[in-house]
Protein backbone atom coordinates (compact mmCIF):
# COMPACT_ATOMS: atom_id res chain seq x y z
CA MET A 1 -43.40 13.86 59.17
CA ASN A 2 -40.14 15.57 58.18
CA ALA A 3 -38.17 12.38 58.88
CA GLU A 4 -40.55 10.40 56.69
CA VAL A 5 -40.26 12.94 53.87
CA ASP A 6 -36.45 12.89 54.08
CA LYS A 7 -36.42 9.10 54.00
CA LYS A 8 -38.69 8.91 50.98
CA ILE A 9 -36.74 11.55 49.07
CA LEU A 10 -33.63 9.40 49.51
CA LYS A 11 -35.52 6.52 47.94
CA THR A 12 -36.40 8.42 44.79
CA GLY A 13 -33.11 8.88 43.00
CA THR A 14 -33.19 10.45 39.56
CA THR A 15 -32.02 13.38 37.48
CA THR A 16 -34.53 15.45 35.52
CA ILE A 17 -33.75 18.73 33.80
CA GLY A 18 -35.46 21.37 31.71
CA ILE A 19 -33.73 23.84 29.40
CA ALA A 20 -35.17 26.91 27.67
CA CYS A 21 -33.74 27.49 24.19
CA LYS A 22 -34.32 30.26 21.67
CA ASP A 23 -37.30 28.54 20.04
CA ALA A 24 -37.80 25.39 22.09
CA ILE A 25 -38.03 23.72 25.47
CA ILE A 26 -35.92 20.63 26.12
CA LEU A 27 -36.63 18.09 28.86
CA ALA A 28 -34.24 15.27 29.73
CA THR A 29 -34.02 12.46 32.30
CA ASP A 30 -32.02 9.40 33.17
CA LYS A 31 -33.65 5.93 33.05
CA ARG A 32 -32.70 4.24 36.36
CA MET A 33 -35.38 3.27 38.88
CA THR A 34 -34.09 2.56 42.38
CA TYR A 35 -35.36 1.04 45.62
CA GLY A 36 -33.98 1.49 49.10
CA GLY A 37 -32.24 4.47 50.62
CA GLY A 38 -33.13 6.00 53.97
CA GLY A 39 -29.79 4.91 55.39
CA GLY A 40 -29.58 1.64 53.47
CA PRO A 41 -28.12 0.76 50.07
CA LEU A 42 -29.87 1.60 46.80
CA PHE A 43 -31.00 -1.27 44.59
CA VAL A 44 -31.50 -0.83 40.85
CA GLY A 45 -35.04 -2.06 40.27
CA HIS A 46 -35.39 -1.09 36.59
CA LYS A 47 -32.87 -0.04 33.96
CA LYS A 48 -35.20 1.29 31.27
CA ALA A 49 -37.77 3.32 33.19
CA ASP A 50 -39.57 6.17 31.45
CA LYS A 51 -39.42 9.43 33.39
CA VAL A 52 -40.55 11.87 30.70
CA TYR A 53 -44.00 11.67 29.09
CA LEU A 54 -45.80 13.55 26.35
CA ILE A 55 -48.90 15.30 27.70
CA ASN A 56 -50.14 16.20 24.22
CA ASP A 57 -48.51 17.16 20.93
CA ARG A 58 -47.15 20.42 22.44
CA MET A 59 -46.28 19.61 26.05
CA ALA A 60 -44.34 17.07 28.11
CA VAL A 61 -43.62 16.35 31.77
CA THR A 62 -40.73 14.76 33.66
CA THR A 63 -41.32 12.78 36.84
CA ALA A 64 -39.51 12.12 40.10
CA GLY A 65 -40.78 10.40 43.22
CA ASN A 66 -42.87 7.40 44.22
CA VAL A 67 -43.69 5.38 41.11
CA SER A 68 -47.24 4.45 42.16
CA ASP A 69 -48.12 8.06 43.00
CA ILE A 70 -46.61 9.26 39.72
CA GLN A 71 -48.58 6.72 37.68
CA TYR A 72 -51.79 7.70 39.45
CA THR A 73 -51.09 11.40 38.90
CA LEU A 74 -50.35 10.95 35.20
CA LYS A 75 -53.64 9.09 34.69
CA LEU A 76 -55.63 11.59 36.75
CA ALA A 77 -54.10 14.61 35.00
CA ARG A 78 -54.69 13.06 31.57
CA SER A 79 -58.36 12.51 32.40
CA GLU A 80 -58.83 15.99 33.85
CA LEU A 81 -57.26 17.60 30.79
CA LYS A 82 -59.53 15.64 28.45
CA ILE A 83 -62.59 16.75 30.42
CA LYS A 84 -61.41 20.36 30.42
CA LYS A 85 -60.89 20.30 26.66
CA LEU A 86 -64.37 18.87 26.07
CA ARG A 87 -65.92 21.56 28.26
CA THR A 88 -63.99 24.56 26.98
CA LYS A 89 -63.34 23.44 23.38
CA LYS A 90 -59.81 24.83 23.83
CA GLU A 91 -56.36 23.45 24.42
CA PRO A 92 -55.02 24.13 27.94
CA THR A 93 -52.12 26.50 28.39
CA VAL A 94 -48.83 25.22 29.78
CA LYS A 95 -49.43 27.15 33.00
CA GLU A 96 -52.84 25.54 33.44
CA VAL A 97 -51.30 22.10 33.04
CA ALA A 98 -48.53 22.91 35.54
CA ASN A 99 -51.09 24.21 38.04
CA LEU A 100 -53.09 20.99 37.67
CA TYR A 101 -50.03 18.92 38.55
CA GLY A 102 -49.36 21.28 41.44
CA MET A 103 -52.87 20.82 42.84
CA ILE A 104 -52.57 17.02 42.67
CA ALA A 105 -49.15 17.11 44.35
CA TYR A 106 -50.51 19.44 47.06
CA GLU A 107 -53.38 17.07 47.86
CA GLY A 108 -51.07 14.04 47.84
CA ILE A 109 -48.57 15.30 50.38
CA ARG A 110 -51.27 16.65 52.74
CA ARG A 111 -53.61 13.69 52.80
CA TYR A 112 -53.98 11.73 56.02
CA SER A 113 -52.03 8.57 55.28
CA PRO A 114 -49.09 6.60 56.72
CA ILE A 115 -47.52 6.89 53.25
CA ILE A 116 -47.64 10.38 51.81
CA ALA A 117 -47.16 11.09 48.12
CA ILE A 118 -43.74 12.48 47.21
CA MET A 119 -43.70 13.68 43.61
CA GLY A 120 -41.88 16.32 41.60
CA PHE A 121 -42.55 17.35 38.01
CA LEU A 122 -41.05 19.56 35.33
CA VAL A 123 -43.66 20.73 32.83
CA GLY A 124 -42.51 22.17 29.53
CA GLY A 125 -44.34 23.15 26.39
CA MET A 126 -45.66 25.76 24.04
CA ASP A 127 -49.02 27.48 23.65
CA GLU A 128 -50.38 30.59 21.98
CA LYS A 129 -48.36 32.82 24.32
CA GLY A 130 -44.97 31.17 23.76
CA TYR A 131 -42.67 28.60 25.31
CA TRP A 132 -42.85 27.79 29.00
CA LEU A 133 -40.95 25.79 31.63
CA PHE A 134 -42.41 25.13 35.10
CA GLN A 135 -41.20 23.25 38.15
CA VAL A 136 -43.78 21.54 40.37
CA ASP A 137 -42.41 20.66 43.81
CA PRO A 138 -43.71 17.90 46.13
CA ASP A 139 -45.50 20.51 48.26
CA GLY A 140 -47.55 21.62 45.24
CA SER A 141 -45.74 24.89 44.55
CA VAL A 142 -45.43 25.88 40.88
CA VAL A 143 -42.46 27.99 39.76
CA GLU A 144 -41.71 29.27 36.26
CA HIS A 145 -38.11 29.12 35.01
CA LYS A 146 -36.84 31.31 32.17
CA ASN A 147 -33.53 29.53 31.66
CA TYR A 148 -33.13 26.05 33.18
CA VAL A 149 -34.10 23.85 36.10
CA ALA A 150 -33.03 20.52 37.59
CA ASP A 151 -34.72 18.11 40.00
CA GLY A 152 -34.02 14.80 41.71
CA SER A 153 -31.08 13.38 43.62
CA GLY A 154 -28.67 14.31 40.83
CA MET A 155 -29.71 17.95 40.69
CA ILE A 156 -26.61 19.28 42.48
CA VAL A 157 -24.29 17.95 39.81
CA ALA A 158 -26.75 18.96 37.08
CA TYR A 159 -26.90 22.56 38.27
CA GLY A 160 -23.12 22.78 38.17
CA VAL A 161 -23.11 21.96 34.45
CA LEU A 162 -26.10 24.16 33.66
CA GLU A 163 -24.72 27.16 35.55
CA ASP A 164 -21.48 26.88 33.64
CA SER A 165 -22.77 26.19 30.13
CA TRP A 166 -26.28 27.65 29.63
CA LYS A 167 -26.46 30.85 27.60
CA GLU A 168 -29.12 33.06 26.06
CA ASN A 169 -30.60 32.03 22.71
CA LEU A 170 -29.37 28.44 22.72
CA SER A 171 -30.13 26.66 19.47
CA ILE A 172 -32.05 23.39 19.63
CA GLU A 173 -28.94 21.41 18.74
CA GLU A 174 -26.93 23.19 21.44
CA GLY A 175 -29.76 22.59 23.92
CA ILE A 176 -29.85 18.87 23.19
CA LYS A 177 -26.09 18.59 23.63
CA LEU A 178 -26.25 20.50 26.92
CA ALA A 179 -29.15 18.35 28.18
CA VAL A 180 -27.32 15.12 27.41
CA ARG A 181 -24.06 16.37 28.91
CA THR A 182 -25.85 17.52 32.07
CA VAL A 183 -27.67 14.25 32.72
CA ASN A 184 -24.54 12.27 31.83
CA ALA A 185 -22.54 14.24 34.41
CA SER A 186 -25.12 13.43 37.09
CA MET A 187 -25.02 9.76 36.15
CA GLN A 188 -21.26 9.71 36.85
CA ARG A 189 -21.67 10.83 40.49
CA ASP A 190 -25.26 10.19 41.63
CA THR A 191 -26.02 6.55 42.45
CA GLY A 192 -29.74 7.12 41.91
CA SER A 193 -29.23 8.15 38.27
CA GLY A 194 -28.03 6.04 35.37
CA GLU A 195 -28.65 3.49 32.61
CA GLY A 196 -29.48 5.90 29.80
CA ILE A 197 -30.88 9.28 28.80
CA ASP A 198 -34.25 10.32 27.38
CA VAL A 199 -34.65 13.70 25.71
CA VAL A 200 -37.84 15.42 24.55
CA VAL A 201 -37.74 18.50 22.33
CA ILE A 202 -40.73 20.85 22.13
CA ASP A 203 -40.55 23.33 19.24
CA LYS A 204 -42.77 24.76 16.50
CA ASN A 205 -43.19 21.24 15.10
CA GLY A 206 -44.55 19.90 18.38
CA ALA A 207 -43.22 17.63 21.12
CA LYS A 208 -41.14 14.62 20.20
CA LYS A 209 -38.68 12.28 21.86
CA VAL A 210 -35.15 12.39 20.49
CA MET A 211 -34.08 8.99 19.18
CA GLU A 212 -31.61 6.98 21.27
CA GLU A 213 -29.13 6.96 18.39
CA GLU A 214 -29.09 10.77 18.38
CA VAL A 215 -28.42 10.87 22.11
CA LYS A 216 -25.54 8.41 21.80
CA HIS A 217 -24.07 10.56 19.05
CA VAL A 218 -23.89 13.52 21.42
CA LEU A 219 -22.22 11.61 24.25
CA VAL A 220 -18.44 11.79 24.25
CA PRO A 221 -16.69 8.65 25.61
CA ARG A 222 -14.96 9.32 28.91
CA LYS A 223 -11.21 8.64 28.96
């Protein structure tokens, strides 16, 4: 099983990051979808893949792993959250949403199947108790992060930038610049990451995707 997990992780190249700011959570991803790995070459299967999705008007999630399993999980989680809201008449907390993704990931990797589900998520958002950032690993574990987190094949490069540049009380503008710079650095070295950058900002005004023009404005041409 470990060999199969290792092989599948190599197939799921990406860079996803989450950053906690003073009054916001920022999520960012690259846009390259790859096939292959496991000892063989990577093939770029899609150059404009979405890897960050709005859960509702106050939360978002980044994705890494098998595309089919991710799509199934997103649909299942969306349905479960709608049912929960109808039953309770309340919006779910960010922790409840992260735990839901963790439960689905836990079931996916432990089911009896020749192809197990390998998925990782970063869940960020705001609720009545504040701003939150959670990492959901393929084994279903859910971990809260107070500063930043990175996932995917480009995470080693990403952590180098985040460790060096993150600071307390980042402004939203500083957070966006750091997010773009971090993913861009991973794209320069990680073959599984590339093609573009998506950024979602979650603040008092809700969750929204930063326009592509704004992202390009932050990027500094490499000499």
